[in-house]
Structure formats: C-alpha cells, structure tokens
Amino acid sequence: MARQTTSLTATQVKNAKPKEKKYKLSDGGGLFLLVNPNGSTLWRLKYRLNGKEKEYAIGVYPTLSLSDARAKREELKKLIADGVDINQQKQTNKKILKQVEQKKDNSFYKVSQLWLKSYEKEVSENYHIKLGKALENYVYPFIKNEPIEEITRLDLIEVMEDLKSKGILETASRVLMLLNKIYMYAVTYEYVKHNITADIDKKVILGSIKKKHYPTFTKESDIKALLLSIDEYSGDYTTKKALQMLPYVFVRSLNIRHCEWSEIDFIDEVWRIPASKMKTKEEFILPLPKQVITILQEIKKFSSDGKYVFPSFRGKDNPMSDNTLISAIRRMGYTKDEFVPHGFRAMFSTIAYEKANVKDGHTFTSEVIESLLAHKEPNKVKGAYNRAEYVEPMRELIQWYADWLDEVKNDK
C-alpha cells in the first residue's frame, strides 16, 4: 500500500526555517518545498518521464504561494501525461523569450548606428556627418526605435512619401540608397533575413527624378562679374581670400574651409589633401597655379601662426564654418538659384570641356580634366597609373584655366 503524504498548510510553509543542511517539505503529487541553509525556499516538482525521475523548478516562495504552486503542479502534470518534457519545454521557452527580447533590442537606430560606424572609413568626414544628419532628419522620426525585423516596406515607403510631399525628390532618392546600405549591413550580420529595400520600386514611389545640377556661370560676362564681385567683397578678410582662391582650385567647400598649412607645399607648389578629407578616400595632390601661390602668400601673413589657412573669424584654432562661403556669396547679391560654392567645380568642368581642342583653348584630354576634379577611376590599377601619368598635364591645365579666368576678368 502506497504511503500517504499529508498536504502542507500555509502556516507550515510560512514557518519553515533554514537548517544546517537543506531539507524538503512534501505536499504530495511530487510537489515539495526545498528549504536551503541560506534561507531561500523554492518550489520543486518531482516527476517521471520515460522511466526517468526528473525535477522541475516551479518558483520561489513567497513570490509563489502554496495555492499557486499547487495550481502550477496540476498544470504541469497534464503536460507530463501528454509526454511533454517540461524541463526541455522551459529551455525552449527561455530561448524564444530571449530571441524576442533581442529583436526588441535590435532597433533600427542601433543597427543603423552600427552601420554608420563601420562606414566611417569608407567616406570623407564631411560626407559621413551628412549621412548621420540624414538619418536624424528624415528616417528616425518614423522608425528610430522600431525593431528592425518588424519594419516593413510600407514603413520605408512612408519615409519616401513624406520627402516626396515636401518636394525634395533627390533627397528621397538618396535616403532610399542610404536605407539600402543599412539593410545590406543588417542582412550580412543577420539582424534581418532579407533586404526589404530591394523590393521597393523607386520609380513607382517617387516617379522620374531629374538630376539637379549645381547652379553655376558659364558665360564670360557672368564669370567676370562674379570674379570682380569677389575682389570687391568687403566682408571678413579670410572669407574674401578663400573666395579668391576657390575659382582657381574648384575643390569642394569642405576642402577649402578645412585647408591646413601642413597640406600646402610651397616648394613643389602643390596642395596635398589627405584621404580623410576626400570623398574618394584617397589622398589628392592638386598642382597650384601661380595665382593661388600668390593668394596663399598673402593670407600667410595673417594666419600662418594657426592650423588653418582660412580660419574662422571666431578664432584661428577653428576652421571656417560651413555657412560662411554661402553667406558671403549671398551678400554679394547671388541667390541660391544663381550660384553656390560648389558651382566653381561645375564652372571649371564646363569651360574645360568647351575649350578643349579649339582656337585659344587647350589640348588636354577628358582624363586630365576629371583628374583635376578628383573623380575616382573605377579601375584601381588604371586609376593609380593615371594619377602618375597626369601630374604634369594637370599642372599645365590648371595653370591654363587660371590664366583664362584672369583674362576674362581683365578683358584681355
């Protein structure tokens, strides 16, 4: 005859005190209270499955009361009767819960920031900052804290349609490309199984996008007026010198504003722009025409004791701000639809191509023109060869262009 176990009472459970060794208080049906020397009291269930005796941790007393423990016992005994290994099921449930919590932790913000950090060495500092701002301004307001696995194509389309409604289609197109890079990273590191941006038809969402070109001047009369306006600029001296140099070197705004004296080689008459400041992530050696050497010698008297060639008017230890050149051009009377600092690059490109192999023009090839614009050659081997081959032609072409600008300005 099987030995009968007397059920526990709530008072017995409450008064259970720790002893030198752990001990059990049985409630029957496999349920017992384990009292440990350290004072912890734990509900356990002893059961048999497939001929093997096992033990299951139900919970902690008093968090789980006697009545709650009994209810849990009955629930578990039903599962055991159906052949379920309740310990294995617990482990599976823990794993699923962990995966769910992990998915919540893998928000779009977290994954996009991990990608942004990994992409830092692939682009220039200025461009990397722009990518971060694009996420902050255009994407995070919609999906910042959403688990990346739960984001749908419609969520991304909402981002695109918001930008479309504001009339900034080119920005929408660039944001979609940005999202594609993030999702490629997410697929690579298994944050998501599929790149959902690949299933978005940009033309359907945004329609045809006409590429917007930077406003510039290509007529000699307009170019002359601009150059004379720069010479007559009455604002900050450093800003004026930067504006005088920019037409001759036609680099990106970041490069002229962050130009350092350590990058200028007066002996070889070149400007060595480090890879960290270049969109191509490669060092760029730009030959300097005589006119630029003169401008640098003039500004050197003012800023050579500092780091930057064209320091901020707030202090020589800071570079010129992003808005300084734009504001100066506006003060000269040019609107954003007429001219921007980047327009000097478009001006050079247009003139260089128009004046190639014509009377009073030059004889340099498109490869030399593109080299002066620091446009990257897709073929790395060919690109390295071209940089070496075009050093002297680049110097000759940039000097020709500088002389041409002076002739236009002085009506020669």
Protein backbone atom coordinates (compact mmCIF):
# COMPACT_ATOMS: atom_id res chain seq x y z
CA MET A 1 0.00 0.00 0.00
CA ALA A 2 1.43 3.41 -1.09
CA ARG A 3 2.46 5.76 1.71
CA GLN A 4 0.10 8.72 2.04
CA THR A 5 1.63 12.22 2.16
CA THR A 6 -0.06 14.80 4.34
CA SER A 7 -0.58 18.07 2.47
CA LEU A 8 1.19 21.14 3.72
CA THR A 9 -0.58 24.07 5.31
CA ALA A 10 0.11 27.72 4.61
CA THR A 11 1.33 28.10 8.19
CA GLN A 12 3.83 25.24 7.85
CA VAL A 13 5.23 26.78 4.72
CA LYS A 14 5.44 30.23 6.31
CA ASN A 15 7.20 28.90 9.42
CA ALA A 16 9.75 26.77 7.53
CA LYS A 17 13.15 27.81 8.89
CA PRO A 18 16.61 27.12 7.42
CA LYS A 19 18.76 24.42 9.00
CA GLU A 20 22.37 23.42 8.75
CA LYS A 21 21.52 21.27 5.77
CA LYS A 22 18.85 21.76 3.13
CA TYR A 23 15.63 19.79 3.57
CA LYS A 24 12.28 19.19 1.86
CA LEU A 25 8.66 19.65 2.92
CA SER A 26 6.43 17.47 0.70
CA ASP A 27 2.91 18.49 -0.31
CA GLY A 28 2.13 15.35 -2.31
CA GLY A 29 1.80 14.69 -6.03
CA GLY A 30 5.52 15.33 -6.45
CA LEU A 31 5.32 18.91 -5.16
CA PHE A 32 7.71 19.90 -2.36
CA LEU A 33 9.25 22.97 -0.77
CA LEU A 34 13.06 22.97 -0.71
CA VAL A 35 14.44 24.94 2.24
CA ASN A 36 18.12 25.91 1.82
CA PRO A 37 20.61 26.80 4.59
CA ASN A 38 20.84 30.34 3.20
CA GLY A 39 17.12 30.83 3.85
CA SER A 40 15.83 30.57 0.28
CA THR A 41 12.66 28.50 -0.14
CA LEU A 42 11.95 27.01 -3.55
CA TRP A 43 9.03 25.09 -5.00
CA ARG A 44 10.06 21.94 -6.89
CA LEU A 45 8.17 19.19 -8.72
CA LYS A 46 9.47 15.63 -8.88
CA TYR A 47 8.17 13.62 -11.82
CA ARG A 48 8.93 10.62 -14.01
CA LEU A 49 9.11 10.66 -17.78
CA ASN A 50 10.10 7.70 -19.96
CA GLY A 51 11.15 5.78 -16.85
CA LYS A 52 13.49 8.51 -15.61
CA GLU A 53 12.99 10.57 -12.47
CA LYS A 54 13.39 14.31 -13.01
CA GLU A 55 12.97 17.53 -11.06
CA TYR A 56 11.42 20.80 -12.20
CA ALA A 57 11.87 24.26 -10.64
CA ILE A 58 8.44 25.82 -10.28
CA GLY A 59 9.25 29.06 -8.48
CA VAL A 60 10.31 30.87 -5.33
CA TYR A 61 8.30 31.20 -2.10
CA PRO A 62 6.75 33.58 -1.06
CA THR A 63 6.57 35.05 -4.60
CA LEU A 64 4.68 31.87 -5.50
CA SER A 65 2.20 30.94 -2.74
CA LEU A 66 1.25 27.40 -1.74
CA SER A 67 -2.02 27.57 -3.67
CA ASP A 68 -0.26 28.96 -6.74
CA ALA A 69 2.36 26.20 -6.56
CA ARG A 70 -0.39 23.54 -6.39
CA ALA A 71 -2.15 25.05 -9.40
CA LYS A 72 1.12 25.03 -11.32
CA ARG A 73 1.68 21.36 -10.27
CA GLU A 74 -1.64 20.30 -11.80
CA GLU A 75 -0.93 22.23 -14.98
CA LEU A 76 2.48 20.57 -15.34
CA LYS A 77 1.18 17.06 -14.57
CA LYS A 78 -1.22 17.36 -17.51
CA LEU A 79 1.70 18.18 -19.82
CA ILE A 80 3.74 15.29 -18.43
CA ALA A 81 0.79 12.94 -19.01
CA ASP A 82 0.85 14.04 -22.66
CA GLY A 83 4.52 13.09 -22.86
CA VAL A 84 5.90 16.63 -22.72
CA ASP A 85 9.35 17.06 -21.19
CA ILE A 86 8.55 20.15 -19.14
CA ASN A 87 12.23 20.97 -18.46
CA GLN A 88 13.04 20.91 -22.15
CA GLN A 89 9.96 23.00 -22.86
CA LYS A 90 11.12 25.57 -20.29
CA GLN A 91 14.50 25.85 -22.01
CA THR A 92 12.80 26.28 -25.37
CA ASN A 93 10.52 28.99 -23.97
CA LYS A 94 13.51 30.78 -22.45
CA LYS A 95 15.29 30.71 -25.80
CA ILE A 96 12.23 32.07 -27.59
CA LEU A 97 11.82 34.82 -24.97
CA LYS A 98 15.49 35.72 -25.32
CA GLN A 99 15.12 35.95 -29.09
CA VAL A 100 12.06 38.17 -28.70
CA GLU A 101 13.90 40.46 -26.29
CA GLN A 102 16.91 40.51 -28.58
CA LYS A 103 14.75 41.52 -31.51
CA LYS A 104 13.35 44.40 -29.46
CA ASP A 105 16.90 45.42 -28.57
CA ASN A 106 17.95 45.35 -32.23
CA SER A 107 16.14 48.56 -33.06
CA PHE A 108 16.62 50.32 -36.38
CA TYR A 109 18.54 53.02 -34.51
CA LYS A 110 21.01 50.51 -33.03
CA VAL A 111 21.66 48.71 -36.32
CA SER A 112 21.89 51.93 -38.36
CA GLN A 113 24.39 53.39 -35.91
CA LEU A 114 26.49 50.21 -36.09
CA TRP A 115 26.47 50.52 -39.88
CA LEU A 116 27.30 54.22 -39.71
CA LYS A 117 30.32 53.47 -37.53
CA SER A 118 31.51 50.71 -39.87
CA TYR A 119 31.13 53.06 -42.87
CA GLU A 120 33.19 55.84 -41.31
CA LYS A 121 36.44 54.88 -43.04
CA GLU A 122 34.76 54.46 -46.43
CA VAL A 123 33.85 58.11 -46.96
CA SER A 124 35.09 61.58 -46.13
CA GLU A 125 34.42 63.05 -42.69
CA ASN A 126 32.05 65.65 -44.11
CA TYR A 127 30.03 63.08 -46.06
CA HIS A 128 29.89 60.78 -43.02
CA ILE A 129 28.43 63.63 -40.96
CA LYS A 130 25.83 64.26 -43.69
CA LEU A 131 24.75 60.60 -43.56
CA GLY A 132 24.20 60.86 -39.81
CA LYS A 133 22.17 64.05 -40.25
CA ALA A 134 20.06 62.43 -42.99
CA LEU A 135 19.13 59.62 -40.61
CA GLU A 136 18.30 62.09 -37.83
CA ASN A 137 16.25 64.41 -40.04
CA TYR A 138 14.47 62.06 -42.44
CA VAL A 139 14.41 58.49 -41.10
CA TYR A 140 14.49 58.36 -37.29
CA PRO A 141 11.27 60.38 -36.88
CA PHE A 142 9.46 57.38 -38.43
CA ILE A 143 11.28 54.17 -37.42
CA LYS A 144 14.01 55.05 -34.92
CA ASN A 145 13.04 52.71 -32.07
CA GLU A 146 11.25 50.04 -34.10
CA PRO A 147 12.81 46.53 -34.05
CA ILE A 148 14.47 46.31 -37.45
CA GLU A 149 12.96 42.87 -38.08
CA GLU A 150 9.46 44.26 -37.67
CA ILE A 151 9.89 47.16 -40.10
CA THR A 152 8.00 46.64 -43.35
CA ARG A 153 8.34 48.01 -46.86
CA LEU A 154 5.33 50.23 -46.17
CA ASP A 155 7.20 51.79 -43.26
CA LEU A 156 10.08 52.72 -45.58
CA ILE A 157 7.69 53.88 -48.29
CA GLU A 158 6.13 56.23 -45.73
CA VAL A 159 9.56 57.83 -45.27
CA MET A 160 9.90 58.25 -49.06
CA GLU A 161 6.40 59.65 -49.50
CA ASP A 162 6.97 62.19 -46.73
CA LEU A 163 10.03 63.52 -48.55
CA LYS A 164 8.14 63.44 -51.85
CA SER A 165 5.33 65.51 -50.32
CA LYS A 166 7.92 68.13 -49.34
CA GLY A 167 9.15 68.31 -52.94
CA ILE A 168 12.67 67.00 -52.22
CA LEU A 169 12.75 64.03 -54.59
CA GLU A 170 16.53 63.89 -54.90
CA THR A 171 16.82 63.71 -51.14
CA ALA A 172 14.23 60.91 -51.10
CA SER A 173 16.25 59.00 -53.68
CA ARG A 174 19.46 59.41 -51.65
CA VAL A 175 17.69 58.34 -48.46
CA LEU A 176 16.50 55.16 -50.17
CA MET A 177 20.08 54.40 -51.19
CA LEU A 178 21.13 55.05 -47.59
CA LEU A 179 18.49 52.62 -46.32
CA ASN A 180 19.69 50.04 -48.83
CA LYS A 181 23.22 50.21 -47.42
CA ILE A 182 21.92 49.81 -43.86
CA TYR A 183 19.82 46.79 -44.80
CA MET A 184 22.71 45.20 -46.68
CA TYR A 185 24.71 45.52 -43.46
CA ALA A 186 21.77 44.14 -41.44
CA VAL A 187 21.49 41.09 -43.70
CA THR A 188 25.24 40.49 -43.55
CA TYR A 189 25.22 40.39 -39.76
CA GLU A 190 21.88 38.53 -39.60
CA TYR A 191 19.84 41.26 -37.94
CA VAL A 192 17.30 40.65 -40.70
CA LYS A 193 16.83 37.84 -43.20
CA HIS A 194 16.05 39.98 -46.23
CA ASN A 195 16.86 43.41 -47.62
CA ILE A 196 13.36 44.82 -47.99
CA THR A 197 14.60 47.90 -49.87
CA ALA A 198 15.34 45.58 -52.81
CA ASP A 199 11.56 45.10 -53.20
CA ILE A 200 10.81 48.82 -53.46
CA ASP A 201 10.43 50.24 -56.98
CA LYS A 202 11.79 53.77 -56.67
CA LYS A 203 10.13 54.92 -59.89
CA VAL A 204 6.71 53.79 -58.68
CA ILE A 205 7.09 55.64 -55.36
CA LEU A 206 8.94 58.77 -56.49
CA GLY A 207 8.44 58.86 -60.25
CA SER A 208 11.14 60.01 -62.64
CA ILE A 209 13.75 62.21 -60.99
CA LYS A 210 15.60 64.82 -62.98
CA LYS A 211 19.10 65.23 -61.68
CA LYS A 212 19.57 68.66 -60.18
CA HIS A 213 22.76 70.37 -61.25
CA TYR A 214 24.52 72.92 -59.10
CA PRO A 215 23.85 76.47 -60.35
CA THR A 216 26.89 77.99 -61.99
CA PHE A 217 28.03 80.51 -64.61
CA THR A 218 29.47 79.60 -67.99
CA LYS A 219 29.08 82.90 -69.89
CA GLU A 220 32.23 85.00 -69.78
CA SER A 221 30.27 88.12 -68.81
CA ASP A 222 28.74 86.35 -65.81
CA ILE A 223 32.08 84.85 -64.78
CA LYS A 224 33.74 88.26 -64.99
CA ALA A 225 31.04 89.85 -62.83
CA LEU A 226 31.43 87.11 -60.21
CA LEU A 227 35.24 87.40 -60.06
CA LEU A 228 35.05 91.18 -59.76
CA SER A 229 32.40 90.87 -57.02
CA ILE A 230 34.76 88.62 -55.07
CA ASP A 231 37.61 91.13 -55.41
CA GLU A 232 35.29 93.89 -54.19
CA TYR A 233 33.94 91.84 -51.24
CA SER A 234 34.10 93.99 -48.12
CA GLY A 235 33.43 91.33 -45.51
CA ASP A 236 35.84 89.23 -43.45
CA TYR A 237 39.38 89.18 -44.92
CA THR A 238 39.80 85.40 -44.52
CA THR A 239 36.50 84.74 -46.26
CA LYS A 240 37.48 87.02 -49.13
CA LYS A 241 40.80 85.20 -49.62
CA ALA A 242 39.06 81.81 -49.59
CA LEU A 243 36.63 83.07 -52.24
CA GLN A 244 39.51 84.42 -54.35
CA MET A 245 41.30 81.06 -54.24
CA LEU A 246 38.27 78.85 -54.84
CA PRO A 247 37.72 79.65 -58.56
CA TYR A 248 41.33 78.61 -59.32
CA VAL A 249 41.25 75.29 -57.43
CA PHE A 250 37.49 74.47 -57.64
CA VAL A 251 37.62 71.97 -54.76
CA ARG A 252 34.67 71.07 -52.58
CA SER A 253 33.68 73.55 -49.88
CA LEU A 254 34.93 71.27 -47.08
CA ASN A 255 38.42 71.16 -48.57
CA ILE A 256 38.87 74.91 -48.85
CA ARG A 257 37.36 75.57 -45.40
CA HIS A 258 39.47 72.89 -43.68
CA CYS A 259 42.66 73.55 -45.64
CA GLU A 260 45.68 73.36 -43.30
CA TRP A 261 49.10 74.94 -43.71
CA SER A 262 50.67 71.49 -43.32
CA GLU A 263 48.95 70.45 -46.57
CA ILE A 264 50.47 73.26 -48.64
CA ASP A 265 53.84 72.56 -50.27
CA PHE A 266 55.32 75.86 -51.47
CA ILE A 267 58.42 74.17 -52.88
CA ASP A 268 56.60 71.77 -55.23
CA GLU A 269 53.63 74.16 -55.45
CA VAL A 270 51.03 71.52 -54.66
CA TRP A 271 48.19 71.04 -52.19
CA ARG A 272 48.21 67.57 -50.62
CA ILE A 273 44.68 66.91 -49.41
CA PRO A 274 44.66 63.88 -47.08
CA ALA A 275 42.42 60.89 -47.78
CA SER A 276 40.31 61.61 -44.69
CA LYS A 277 39.07 64.82 -46.31
CA MET A 278 38.38 63.34 -49.73
CA LYS A 279 35.13 61.84 -50.95
CA THR A 280 37.20 59.20 -52.76
CA LYS A 281 39.04 58.32 -49.52
CA GLU A 282 42.35 58.69 -51.38
CA GLU A 283 44.97 61.41 -50.99
CA PHE A 284 44.63 64.07 -53.67
CA ILE A 285 47.62 66.07 -54.88
CA LEU A 286 46.46 69.23 -56.61
CA PRO A 287 49.00 71.32 -58.54
CA LEU A 288 48.65 75.00 -57.67
CA PRO A 289 48.72 77.74 -60.31
CA LYS A 290 50.85 80.83 -59.74
CA GLN A 291 47.80 82.90 -58.85
CA VAL A 292 47.00 80.60 -55.91
CA ILE A 293 50.58 80.70 -54.63
CA THR A 294 50.27 84.49 -54.52
CA ILE A 295 46.97 84.33 -52.61
CA LEU A 296 48.46 81.86 -50.11
CA GLN A 297 51.48 84.07 -49.53
CA GLU A 298 49.15 86.98 -48.81
CA ILE A 299 46.95 85.07 -46.34
CA LYS A 300 50.03 83.51 -44.75
CA LYS A 301 50.88 86.89 -43.20
CA PHE A 302 47.54 86.72 -41.40
CA SER A 303 47.02 83.06 -40.44
CA SER A 304 50.36 81.21 -40.61
CA ASP A 305 50.54 81.10 -36.80
CA GLY A 306 47.47 78.85 -36.73
CA LYS A 307 46.50 75.45 -38.07
CA TYR A 308 44.09 76.53 -40.78
CA VAL A 309 44.78 78.57 -43.89
CA PHE A 310 41.31 80.12 -43.73
CA PRO A 311 40.38 80.08 -40.02
CA SER A 312 37.04 81.06 -38.57
CA PHE A 313 36.64 84.74 -37.72
CA ARG A 314 35.83 83.49 -34.19
CA GLY A 315 39.33 82.12 -33.68
CA LYS A 316 42.38 80.80 -35.57
CA ASP A 317 42.11 77.37 -33.99
CA ASN A 318 38.79 76.71 -35.71
CA PRO A 319 38.10 76.13 -39.41
CA MET A 320 35.78 78.32 -41.39
CA SER A 321 32.14 77.32 -40.81
CA ASP A 322 30.00 75.51 -43.37
CA ASN A 323 27.78 78.53 -43.94
CA THR A 324 30.47 81.21 -44.27
CA LEU A 325 31.13 80.96 -48.01
CA ILE A 326 27.45 80.58 -48.86
CA SER A 327 26.56 83.65 -46.79
CA ALA A 328 29.32 85.65 -48.46
CA ILE A 329 28.02 84.79 -51.92
CA ARG A 330 24.53 85.83 -50.82
CA ARG A 331 25.93 89.16 -49.54
CA MET A 332 27.42 89.66 -52.97
CA GLY A 333 23.87 89.54 -54.36
CA TYR A 334 23.70 86.00 -55.76
CA THR A 335 20.71 83.83 -54.84
CA LYS A 336 20.87 80.07 -54.20
CA ASP A 337 19.36 79.53 -57.66
CA GLU A 338 22.13 81.56 -59.30
CA PHE A 339 25.33 80.37 -57.66
CA VAL A 340 26.71 78.24 -54.82
CA PRO A 341 30.32 77.45 -53.78
CA HIS A 342 30.11 74.05 -55.48
CA GLY A 343 29.35 75.92 -58.71
CA PHE A 344 33.07 76.63 -59.20
CA ARG A 345 33.57 72.92 -59.92
CA ALA A 346 30.78 72.89 -62.50
CA MET A 347 32.23 76.10 -63.99
CA PHE A 348 35.66 74.57 -64.46
CA SER A 349 34.23 71.32 -65.87
CA THR A 350 32.06 73.13 -68.41
CA ILE A 351 34.76 75.55 -69.54
CA ALA A 352 37.46 72.88 -69.67
CA TYR A 353 35.37 70.66 -71.92
CA GLU A 354 34.13 73.54 -74.11
CA LYS A 355 37.64 74.89 -74.63
CA ALA A 356 39.26 71.55 -75.40
CA ASN A 357 40.88 71.43 -78.86
CA VAL A 358 39.50 74.77 -80.01
CA LYS A 359 41.21 78.02 -81.02
CA ASP A 360 42.61 79.82 -77.96
CA GLY A 361 41.70 76.75 -75.88
CA HIS A 362 43.75 73.80 -74.65
CA THR A 363 44.64 70.31 -75.87
CA PHE A 364 44.20 68.25 -72.71
CA THR A 365 42.04 65.11 -72.61
CA SER A 366 38.95 64.37 -70.54
CA GLU A 367 41.08 62.14 -68.29
CA VAL A 368 43.15 65.16 -67.24
CA ILE A 369 40.02 67.23 -66.63
CA GLU A 370 38.47 64.50 -64.48
CA SER A 371 41.75 64.06 -62.59
CA LEU A 372 41.70 67.74 -61.60
CA LEU A 373 38.15 67.24 -60.32
CA ALA A 374 39.39 64.29 -58.23
CA HIS A 375 36.84 61.99 -59.82
CA LYS A 376 37.70 58.42 -58.94
CA GLU A 377 38.67 55.97 -61.67
CA PRO A 378 36.63 52.72 -61.21
CA ASN A 379 39.62 50.61 -62.19
CA LYS A 380 42.06 50.93 -59.26
CA VAL A 381 45.12 49.91 -61.26
CA LYS A 382 44.24 52.26 -64.08
CA GLY A 383 43.46 55.00 -61.56
CA ALA A 384 46.87 54.72 -59.92
CA TYR A 385 48.51 54.79 -63.35
CA ASN A 386 46.52 57.85 -64.40
CA ARG A 387 47.45 59.81 -61.27
CA ALA A 388 51.12 59.28 -62.04
CA GLU A 389 50.74 59.90 -65.76
CA TYR A 390 48.69 63.09 -65.48
CA VAL A 391 50.73 65.02 -62.89
CA GLU A 392 52.32 67.40 -65.37
CA PRO A 393 49.26 67.70 -67.67
CA MET A 394 47.17 68.52 -64.58
CA ARG A 395 49.61 71.31 -63.67
CA GLU A 396 49.54 72.70 -67.20
CA LEU A 397 45.75 72.55 -67.46
CA ILE A 398 45.06 74.19 -64.10
CA GLN A 399 47.53 76.98 -64.97
CA TRP A 400 45.84 77.43 -68.35
CA TYR A 401 42.47 77.72 -66.61
CA ALA A 402 43.78 80.20 -64.03
CA ASP A 403 45.19 82.37 -66.81
CA TRP A 404 41.90 82.10 -68.70
CA LEU A 405 39.99 83.31 -65.64
CA ASP A 406 42.33 86.29 -65.30
CA GLU A 407 41.87 87.14 -68.99
CA VAL A 408 38.09 87.03 -68.62
CA LYS A 409 38.19 89.20 -65.52
CA ASN A 410 40.58 91.76 -67.06
CA ASP A 411 39.05 91.74 -70.58
CA LYS A 412 42.28 90.56 -72.18
